């Protein structure tokens, strides 16, 4: 089982890292963030976007730290792929290690991490928007911050260092993604109120965290940029239709992914909570489950009624998907502690079958393998880089470039407009110090 879990994870990671060398900055946002950062600085640029586009104060900072801010070379365009893969792996290793107390020499520990990571990489629909689009870096990062927050809070011993880490993580989470902010708010604070109502007084440390949460929540909700971005004329019937259709799509992706089932079976038959960990009662699990799914529905409401988008972007639906994966694995682990021990040898063949089906059905696996074998990503990257070198080295203030001939199914392949006043054209022109840039 260890070799199967490692093999499926390593295959996907190898393809992702290989293709990362061909990654290029995205015309959507990347050049705009880079220009603003160069012109005003990272923090001032983040504040500019906070006032004019988005209340994600921490996410805005991350996006303005684009590699283009440090260099006009595209050499480091794939760095976000490396950073996010490392962050996700380390976070999941920490999660499984603290929740199970398995030693580092245990193959069960490493196989668990490999399988959960593989489930994410093979199943998400937002592969490009998470791992290759630098302006989308905060989505996956916010998920890892939430995981770290819960593990530190529930598994680390009280100390000043622990309190400081929790405070920093919470402040960053609140300003990284509205989805992560709403889910953490509903689940964490809802459960604290549940404990206060039925289990006794809340820990004094929570008063500090509550203050930080309130500051972060107000910073996001009162951002002038959110008023610019939101659409307020979505009819009630249309909003409900959008809400239900997107919830339906989330459920479909969740239950149709073989890797999800492989992960649940693995948790059920392999992992165990440490004996020192206080088990949740069935009533507590029911309350937590209700809070989680209510929070998901609440998170869908602004997406359905405020943005006016018929289909939620893949990067957002992927975030919901992985939150559901983590939550269901946690509940399965809790239920197992109530039911008693189960053994892998009764189910190992079925886990292997689900892994095999997951690889066979994965659109991400098909996409990456095709981009590598066809050479499309490499050809597109070479032409794309040559185009922007032409712009950078041009001695004229107005530059016209030929349309792209090569295209990639993985990378964003929208082209520059023929109108130099188009936003993307203006951002590219400002970044390279030109008066105008456009496509012929």
Protein backbone atom coordinates (compact mmCIF):
# COMPACT_ATOMS: atom_id res chain seq x y z
CA UNK A 1 0.00 0.00 0.00
CA UNK A 2 2.85 2.38 0.75
CA UNK A 3 4.26 1.97 -2.76
CA UNK A 4 0.83 2.52 -4.33
CA UNK A 5 0.24 5.72 -2.33
CA UNK A 6 3.75 7.01 -2.99
CA UNK A 7 3.64 6.07 -6.67
CA UNK A 8 0.40 7.89 -7.49
CA UNK A 9 1.54 10.99 -5.57
CA UNK A 10 5.03 11.02 -7.07
CA UNK A 11 3.70 10.61 -10.61
CA UNK A 12 1.46 13.66 -10.35
CA UNK A 13 4.06 15.78 -8.56
CA UNK A 14 6.72 14.90 -11.15
CA UNK A 15 4.46 16.02 -13.99
CA UNK A 16 3.50 19.21 -12.19
CA UNK A 17 7.11 20.16 -11.48
CA UNK A 18 8.20 19.30 -15.02
CA UNK A 19 5.53 21.57 -16.48
CA UNK A 20 6.29 24.33 -13.96
CA UNK A 21 9.45 25.16 -15.92
CA UNK A 22 7.22 26.21 -18.84
CA UNK A 23 4.92 28.39 -16.75
CA UNK A 24 4.57 32.04 -17.71
CA UNK A 25 2.92 35.08 -16.13
CA UNK A 26 -0.80 35.31 -16.75
CA UNK A 27 -2.22 38.23 -18.70
CA UNK A 28 -5.11 38.25 -16.22
CA UNK A 29 -3.88 40.08 -13.10
CA UNK A 30 -0.22 38.99 -12.97
CA UNK A 31 1.11 41.93 -14.99
CA UNK A 32 -1.32 44.31 -13.30
CA UNK A 33 -0.13 43.29 -9.83
CA UNK A 34 3.50 43.42 -10.97
CA UNK A 35 3.15 46.91 -12.40
CA UNK A 36 1.42 48.27 -9.29
CA UNK A 37 4.09 46.66 -7.06
CA UNK A 38 6.91 48.18 -9.10
CA UNK A 39 5.23 51.57 -9.20
CA UNK A 40 4.11 51.90 -5.58
CA UNK A 41 5.65 49.02 -3.61
CA UNK A 42 4.10 45.78 -2.37
CA UNK A 43 2.27 47.13 0.68
CA UNK A 44 1.06 50.29 -1.04
CA UNK A 45 -0.06 48.21 -4.00
CA UNK A 46 -1.95 45.82 -1.72
CA UNK A 47 -3.65 48.81 -0.08
CA UNK A 48 -4.57 50.19 -3.51
CA UNK A 49 -6.32 46.92 -4.39
CA UNK A 50 -7.90 46.76 -0.93
CA UNK A 51 -9.50 50.14 -1.53
CA UNK A 52 -10.47 49.48 -5.14
CA UNK A 53 -11.11 45.78 -5.66
CA UNK A 54 -10.90 43.27 -2.81
CA UNK A 55 -10.94 43.14 0.99
CA UNK A 56 -8.50 40.19 1.05
CA UNK A 57 -5.78 42.17 2.79
CA UNK A 58 -3.40 39.23 3.20
CA UNK A 59 -4.21 37.74 -0.21
CA UNK A 60 -3.51 41.13 -1.79
CA UNK A 61 -0.03 41.15 -0.29
CA UNK A 62 0.69 37.65 -1.60
CA UNK A 63 -0.45 38.57 -5.11
CA UNK A 64 1.75 41.68 -5.17
CA UNK A 65 4.77 39.54 -4.32
CA UNK A 66 4.62 38.12 -7.85
CA UNK A 67 8.00 37.03 -9.30
CA UNK A 68 7.60 39.80 -11.88
CA UNK A 69 8.05 42.32 -9.07
CA UNK A 70 11.57 41.03 -8.48
CA UNK A 71 12.62 40.41 -12.09
CA UNK A 72 11.32 40.83 -15.64
CA UNK A 73 12.68 37.37 -16.39
CA UNK A 74 10.14 34.54 -16.56
CA UNK A 75 12.68 32.13 -15.05
CA UNK A 76 10.92 32.08 -11.68
CA UNK A 77 7.34 31.95 -12.99
CA UNK A 78 6.96 28.39 -11.73
CA UNK A 79 8.05 29.12 -8.17
CA UNK A 80 4.47 29.14 -6.86
CA UNK A 81 4.07 25.50 -7.98
CA UNK A 82 7.08 24.49 -5.87
CA UNK A 83 6.05 26.61 -2.89
CA UNK A 84 2.46 25.35 -2.78
CA UNK A 85 3.41 21.69 -3.19
CA UNK A 86 5.92 21.96 -0.36
CA UNK A 87 3.47 23.87 1.85
CA UNK A 88 0.71 21.34 1.26
CA UNK A 89 2.96 18.36 1.93
CA UNK A 90 4.48 19.77 5.12
CA UNK A 91 1.08 20.86 6.44
CA UNK A 92 -0.47 17.45 5.81
CA UNK A 93 2.52 15.69 7.36
CA UNK A 94 2.10 17.84 10.46
CA UNK A 95 -1.65 17.17 10.48
CA UNK A 96 -1.41 13.38 10.26
CA UNK A 97 1.55 13.23 12.66
CA UNK A 98 -0.21 15.20 15.40
CA UNK A 99 -3.60 13.52 14.95
CA UNK A 100 -2.24 9.96 15.06
CA UNK A 101 1.07 10.13 16.97
CA UNK A 102 2.57 7.81 14.35
CA UNK A 103 6.39 7.92 14.43
CA UNK A 104 8.27 9.35 11.45
CA UNK A 105 9.61 5.89 10.61
CA UNK A 106 6.06 4.57 10.17
CA UNK A 107 5.09 3.74 6.59
CA UNK A 108 1.46 4.33 7.58
CA UNK A 109 2.29 7.97 8.34
CA UNK A 110 3.95 8.62 5.00
CA UNK A 111 1.41 6.60 3.01
CA UNK A 112 -1.39 8.63 4.60
CA UNK A 113 0.22 11.92 3.61
CA UNK A 114 0.92 10.72 0.07
CA UNK A 115 -2.65 9.47 -0.39
CA UNK A 116 -4.36 12.62 0.93
CA UNK A 117 -2.11 14.82 -1.21
CA UNK A 118 -2.79 12.64 -4.24
CA UNK A 119 -6.53 12.86 -3.60
CA UNK A 120 -6.28 16.64 -3.80
CA UNK A 121 -4.05 16.80 -6.88
CA UNK A 122 -5.96 14.22 -8.92
CA UNK A 123 -9.45 15.46 -7.98
CA UNK A 124 -9.49 19.27 -8.05
CA UNK A 125 -10.80 21.02 -11.14
CA UNK A 126 -8.80 24.20 -10.48
CA UNK A 127 -5.32 22.75 -11.10
CA UNK A 128 -4.06 25.64 -13.24
CA UNK A 129 -5.73 28.39 -11.22
CA UNK A 130 -4.15 27.10 -8.00
CA UNK A 131 -0.69 25.90 -8.92
CA UNK A 132 0.28 27.82 -12.08
CA UNK A 133 -1.51 31.17 -11.81
CA UNK A 134 0.40 33.26 -9.30
CA UNK A 135 -2.56 35.54 -8.66
CA UNK A 136 -4.49 32.50 -7.40
CA UNK A 137 -1.82 31.49 -4.89
CA UNK A 138 -3.89 32.48 -1.86
CA UNK A 139 -6.63 29.86 -2.39
CA UNK A 140 -4.55 26.77 -1.63
CA UNK A 141 -2.46 28.75 0.86
CA UNK A 142 -5.58 29.70 2.84
CA UNK A 143 -6.58 26.03 3.11
CA UNK A 144 -3.19 25.16 4.58
CA UNK A 145 -3.40 28.05 7.05
CA UNK A 146 -6.80 26.80 8.26
CA UNK A 147 -5.42 23.27 8.72
CA UNK A 148 -2.47 24.63 10.68
CA UNK A 149 -4.78 26.73 12.84
CA UNK A 150 -6.95 23.79 13.86
CA UNK A 151 -4.02 21.44 14.49
CA UNK A 152 -2.16 23.99 16.62
CA UNK A 153 -5.29 24.89 18.56
CA UNK A 154 -6.48 21.37 19.33
CA UNK A 155 -3.20 19.44 19.54
CA UNK A 156 -0.49 21.75 20.89
CA UNK A 157 -0.09 22.48 24.58
CA UNK A 158 -1.01 25.97 25.83
CA UNK A 159 1.89 28.44 25.77
CA UNK A 160 2.64 32.00 24.76
CA UNK A 161 4.23 30.74 21.55
CA UNK A 162 1.11 28.75 20.72
CA UNK A 163 -1.11 31.78 21.37
CA UNK A 164 1.10 33.98 19.18
CA UNK A 165 1.05 31.42 16.34
CA UNK A 166 -2.72 31.10 16.54
CA UNK A 167 -3.16 34.87 16.51
CA UNK A 168 -0.93 35.24 13.43
CA UNK A 169 -2.59 32.37 11.57
CA UNK A 170 -6.08 33.68 12.33
CA UNK A 171 -5.29 37.20 11.12
CA UNK A 172 -3.83 35.85 7.87
CA UNK A 173 -6.75 33.46 7.32
CA UNK A 174 -9.32 36.23 7.71
CA UNK A 175 -7.63 38.26 4.98
CA UNK A 176 -6.70 35.48 2.58
CA UNK A 177 -9.96 34.11 1.20
CA UNK A 178 -13.60 34.91 1.92
CA UNK A 179 -14.43 31.20 1.69
CA UNK A 180 -11.85 30.23 4.30
CA UNK A 181 -12.91 33.16 6.48
CA UNK A 182 -16.59 32.14 6.45
CA UNK A 183 -15.93 28.44 6.97
CA UNK A 184 -13.56 29.02 9.86
CA UNK A 185 -15.99 31.51 11.39
CA UNK A 186 -18.94 29.14 11.21
CA UNK A 187 -17.16 25.97 12.30
CA UNK A 188 -14.65 27.22 14.87
CA UNK A 189 -16.70 29.93 16.57
CA UNK A 190 -19.94 27.99 16.20
CA UNK A 191 -18.34 25.05 18.00
CA UNK A 192 -16.97 27.32 20.72
CA UNK A 193 -20.47 28.66 21.34
CA UNK A 194 -21.74 25.09 21.45
CA UNK A 195 -19.16 24.22 24.09
CA UNK A 196 -19.95 27.36 26.06
CA UNK A 197 -23.68 26.62 26.01
CA UNK A 198 -23.44 22.96 26.97
CA UNK A 199 -19.90 22.29 28.20
CA UNK A 200 -18.97 25.21 30.39
CA UNK A 201 -16.98 28.49 30.11
CA UNK A 202 -14.80 29.34 27.10
CA UNK A 203 -11.03 29.36 27.52
CA UNK A 204 -9.63 32.84 28.29
CA UNK A 205 -7.27 32.61 25.29
CA UNK A 206 -10.30 32.82 23.05
CA UNK A 207 -10.94 36.42 24.03
CA UNK A 208 -7.73 37.44 22.25
CA UNK A 209 -8.57 35.30 19.23
CA UNK A 210 -12.09 36.71 19.17
CA UNK A 211 -10.68 40.24 19.05
CA UNK A 212 -8.34 39.34 16.18
CA UNK A 213 -11.18 37.61 14.36
CA UNK A 214 -13.39 40.68 14.75
CA UNK A 215 -10.70 43.03 13.43
CA UNK A 216 -10.04 40.77 10.44
CA UNK A 217 -13.75 40.31 9.73
CA UNK A 218 -14.40 44.05 9.79
CA UNK A 219 -11.38 44.76 7.59
CA UNK A 220 -12.73 42.40 4.96
CA UNK A 221 -16.42 43.27 5.16
CA UNK A 222 -15.91 47.05 5.27
CA UNK A 223 -13.41 47.14 2.41
CA UNK A 224 -14.39 49.76 -0.20
CA UNK A 225 -13.08 47.36 -2.84
CA UNK A 226 -15.79 44.81 -2.13
CA UNK A 227 -18.45 47.36 -3.03
CA UNK A 228 -16.78 47.91 -6.40
CA UNK A 229 -16.53 44.19 -7.18
CA UNK A 230 -19.96 43.04 -6.02
CA UNK A 231 -23.05 43.02 -8.22
CA UNK A 232 -26.27 43.83 -6.39
CA UNK A 233 -28.92 43.22 -9.06
CA UNK A 234 -29.06 39.41 -9.13
CA UNK A 235 -32.77 38.43 -8.96
CA UNK A 236 -33.79 36.15 -6.11
CA UNK A 237 -34.86 33.30 -8.38
CA UNK A 238 -31.62 33.47 -10.40
CA UNK A 239 -29.54 33.58 -7.22
CA UNK A 240 -31.26 30.52 -5.80
CA UNK A 241 -30.77 28.68 -9.10
CA UNK A 242 -27.05 29.55 -9.10
CA UNK A 243 -26.75 28.49 -5.46
CA UNK A 244 -28.42 25.10 -5.98
CA UNK A 245 -26.59 24.34 -9.23
CA UNK A 246 -23.20 25.01 -7.68
CA UNK A 247 -23.97 22.97 -4.57
CA UNK A 248 -25.05 20.16 -6.91
CA UNK A 249 -21.75 20.43 -8.79
CA UNK A 250 -19.77 20.29 -5.54
CA UNK A 251 -21.63 17.17 -4.44
CA UNK A 252 -21.07 15.57 -7.84
CA UNK A 253 -17.33 16.21 -7.78
CA UNK A 254 -17.06 14.98 -4.21
CA UNK A 255 -18.85 11.65 -4.62
CA UNK A 256 -17.57 10.89 -8.12
CA UNK A 257 -13.88 11.08 -7.18
CA UNK A 258 -12.46 7.59 -6.50
CA UNK A 259 -9.58 9.18 -4.59
CA UNK A 260 -12.05 10.59 -2.07
CA UNK A 261 -13.35 7.07 -1.35
CA UNK A 262 -9.82 5.71 -1.16
CA UNK A 263 -8.98 8.37 1.42
CA UNK A 264 -12.07 7.65 3.54
CA UNK A 265 -11.36 3.90 3.55
CA UNK A 266 -7.72 4.53 4.42
CA UNK A 267 -8.64 6.73 7.37
CA UNK A 268 -11.26 4.25 8.52
CA UNK A 269 -9.05 1.17 8.38
CA UNK A 270 -5.54 2.51 9.00
CA UNK A 271 -5.43 5.65 11.15
CA UNK A 272 -6.35 5.99 14.81
CA UNK A 273 -6.58 8.90 17.20
CA UNK A 274 -3.99 8.87 19.99
CA UNK A 275 -5.26 7.52 23.30
CA UNK A 276 -4.56 10.84 24.99
CA UNK A 277 -6.88 12.70 22.62
CA UNK A 278 -10.32 13.49 24.05
CA UNK A 279 -12.95 11.83 21.86
CA UNK A 280 -15.99 13.75 20.68
CA UNK A 281 -19.43 12.49 21.57
CA UNK A 282 -21.92 11.61 18.84
CA UNK A 283 -23.89 14.73 19.76
CA UNK A 284 -20.79 16.91 19.37
CA UNK A 285 -20.06 15.32 15.99
CA UNK A 286 -23.60 15.99 14.83
CA UNK A 287 -23.37 19.62 15.96
CA UNK A 288 -20.01 20.06 14.22
CA UNK A 289 -21.32 18.46 11.03
CA UNK A 290 -24.34 20.76 11.02
CA UNK A 291 -22.09 23.79 11.54
CA UNK A 292 -19.80 22.72 8.70
CA UNK A 293 -22.50 22.26 6.08
CA UNK A 294 -24.43 25.34 7.16
CA UNK A 295 -21.18 27.30 6.78
CA UNK A 296 -20.73 25.92 3.27
CA UNK A 297 -24.23 27.02 2.28
CA UNK A 298 -23.67 30.46 3.81
CA UNK A 299 -20.40 30.74 1.88
CA UNK A 300 -22.24 29.99 -1.35
CA UNK A 301 -24.74 32.81 -0.80
CA UNK A 302 -22.47 35.81 -1.62
CA UNK A 303 -20.98 33.86 -4.53
CA UNK A 304 -24.46 33.29 -5.94
CA UNK A 305 -26.12 36.64 -5.20
CA UNK A 306 -23.30 39.22 -5.15
CA UNK A 307 -20.92 38.29 -7.96
CA UNK A 308 -23.48 37.43 -10.61
CA UNK A 309 -21.46 34.50 -12.00
CA UNK A 310 -23.55 31.56 -13.22
CA UNK A 311 -20.81 29.05 -12.47
CA UNK A 312 -18.48 29.42 -9.51
CA UNK A 313 -14.86 29.45 -10.74
CA UNK A 314 -13.03 26.13 -10.57
CA UNK A 315 -10.51 27.54 -8.10
CA UNK A 316 -13.35 28.17 -5.61
CA UNK A 317 -15.21 24.89 -6.08
CA UNK A 318 -11.85 23.12 -5.56
CA UNK A 319 -11.44 24.88 -2.23
CA UNK A 320 -14.84 23.65 -1.07
CA UNK A 321 -13.97 20.16 -2.28
CA UNK A 322 -10.81 19.88 -0.20
CA UNK A 323 -12.48 21.32 2.88
CA UNK A 324 -15.07 18.56 2.53
CA UNK A 325 -12.32 15.96 2.11
CA UNK A 326 -10.57 17.07 5.30
CA UNK A 327 -13.78 17.35 7.30
CA UNK A 328 -15.15 13.94 6.30
CA UNK A 329 -11.79 12.30 7.06
CA UNK A 330 -11.86 13.91 10.50
CA UNK A 331 -15.42 12.72 11.19
CA UNK A 332 -14.58 9.20 9.97
CA UNK A 333 -11.62 9.15 12.36
CA UNK A 334 -13.84 10.26 15.22
CA UNK A 335 -16.48 7.65 14.42
CA UNK A 336 -13.82 4.97 14.30
CA UNK A 337 -12.76 5.87 17.83
CA UNK A 338 -16.35 5.14 18.89
CA UNK A 339 -16.79 1.94 16.89
CA UNK A 340 -13.44 0.40 17.75
CA UNK A 341 -10.48 -0.88 15.72
CA UNK A 342 -10.64 -1.99 12.09
CA UNK A 343 -7.88 -3.56 10.02
CA UNK A 344 -6.53 -2.72 6.58
CA UNK A 345 -6.11 -6.31 5.39
CA UNK A 346 -9.87 -6.57 4.97
CA UNK A 347 -10.09 -3.66 2.59
CA UNK A 348 -6.64 -3.11 1.03
CA UNK A 349 -7.66 -4.46 -2.38
CA UNK A 350 -10.62 -2.06 -2.52
CA UNK A 351 -8.36 0.90 -1.65
CA UNK A 352 -6.03 -0.11 -4.48
CA UNK A 353 -8.98 -0.36 -6.86
CA UNK A 354 -10.11 3.16 -5.96
CA UNK A 355 -6.57 4.51 -6.45
CA UNK A 356 -6.40 2.89 -9.87
CA UNK A 357 -9.81 4.24 -10.83
CA UNK A 358 -8.80 7.67 -9.53
CA UNK A 359 -5.78 7.79 -11.83
CA UNK A 360 -7.79 6.44 -14.79
CA UNK A 361 -10.64 8.97 -14.35
CA UNK A 362 -8.52 11.98 -13.40
CA UNK A 363 -8.80 14.84 -15.88
CA UNK A 364 -5.71 16.39 -14.32
CA UNK A 365 -3.64 13.28 -15.04
CA UNK A 366 -4.85 13.22 -18.66
CA UNK A 367 -4.24 16.94 -19.07
CA UNK A 368 -0.70 17.00 -17.69
CA UNK A 369 0.41 13.82 -19.46
CA UNK A 370 -0.95 15.14 -22.77
CA UNK A 371 0.78 18.51 -22.34
CA UNK A 372 4.08 16.73 -21.74
CA UNK A 373 3.80 14.13 -24.52
CA UNK A 374 2.51 16.58 -27.14
CA UNK A 375 5.03 19.30 -26.32
CA UNK A 376 2.23 21.90 -26.38
CA UNK A 377 3.21 23.49 -23.07
CA UNK A 378 6.85 23.83 -24.09
CA UNK A 379 6.04 25.27 -27.52
CA UNK A 380 3.56 27.73 -26.04
CA UNK A 381 6.04 28.81 -23.37
CA UNK A 382 8.83 29.42 -25.87
CA UNK A 383 6.64 31.57 -28.12
CA UNK A 384 5.13 33.42 -25.15
CA UNK A 385 8.53 34.24 -23.66
CA UNK A 386 9.87 35.38 -27.03
CA UNK A 387 6.90 37.72 -27.41
CA UNK A 388 7.52 39.47 -24.10
CA UNK A 389 11.25 39.70 -24.75
CA UNK A 390 10.30 41.50 -27.95
CA UNK A 391 8.20 43.94 -25.92
CA UNK A 392 10.89 44.41 -23.28
CA UNK A 393 13.70 45.01 -25.76
CA UNK A 394 11.73 47.17 -28.17
CA UNK A 395 13.11 50.69 -28.50
CA UNK A 396 9.75 52.14 -29.52
CA UNK A 397 7.05 53.31 -27.11
CA UNK A 398 4.27 51.53 -28.98
CA UNK A 399 4.67 47.81 -29.63
CA UNK A 400 2.51 45.52 -31.75
CA UNK A 401 2.96 41.77 -31.47
CA UNK A 402 1.79 38.93 -33.68
CA UNK A 403 -1.00 36.60 -32.49
CA UNK A 404 0.11 33.47 -30.69
CA UNK A 405 0.36 30.41 -32.92
CA UNK A 406 0.90 27.83 -30.19
CA UNK A 407 -1.64 27.04 -27.49
CA UNK A 408 -1.71 24.97 -24.32
CA UNK A 409 -4.71 23.29 -22.71
CA UNK A 410 -3.12 23.75 -19.27
CA UNK A 411 -1.88 27.32 -19.26
CA UNK A 412 -4.06 30.39 -19.68
CA UNK A 413 -4.00 31.11 -23.42
CA UNK A 414 -6.14 34.24 -23.82
CA UNK A 415 -4.29 36.70 -26.03
CA UNK A 416 -3.60 40.42 -25.90
CA UNK A 417 -6.33 42.59 -27.36
CA UNK A 418 -5.99 44.54 -30.59
CA UNK A 419 -7.13 47.55 -28.55
CA UNK A 420 -4.19 49.10 -26.63
CA UNK A 421 -6.71 50.58 -24.16
CA UNK A 422 -7.75 47.12 -22.98
CA UNK A 423 -6.85 46.57 -19.31
CA UNK A 424 -4.45 43.69 -20.01
CA UNK A 425 -2.67 45.70 -22.70
CA UNK A 426 -2.38 48.72 -20.42
CA UNK A 427 -0.95 46.63 -17.57
CA UNK A 428 1.68 45.07 -19.85
CA UNK A 429 2.56 48.48 -21.30
CA UNK A 430 2.89 50.06 -17.86
CA UNK A 431 4.98 47.18 -16.57
CA UNK A 432 7.49 47.48 -19.41
CA UNK A 433 7.42 51.29 -19.47
CA UNK A 434 5.71 51.57 -22.86
CA UNK A 435 2.95 53.89 -23.99
CA UNK A 436 1.00 51.18 -25.75
CA UNK A 437 1.11 47.43 -26.30
CA UNK A 438 -1.38 45.47 -28.40
CA UNK A 439 -1.82 42.52 -30.75
CA UNK A 440 -1.83 43.08 -34.50
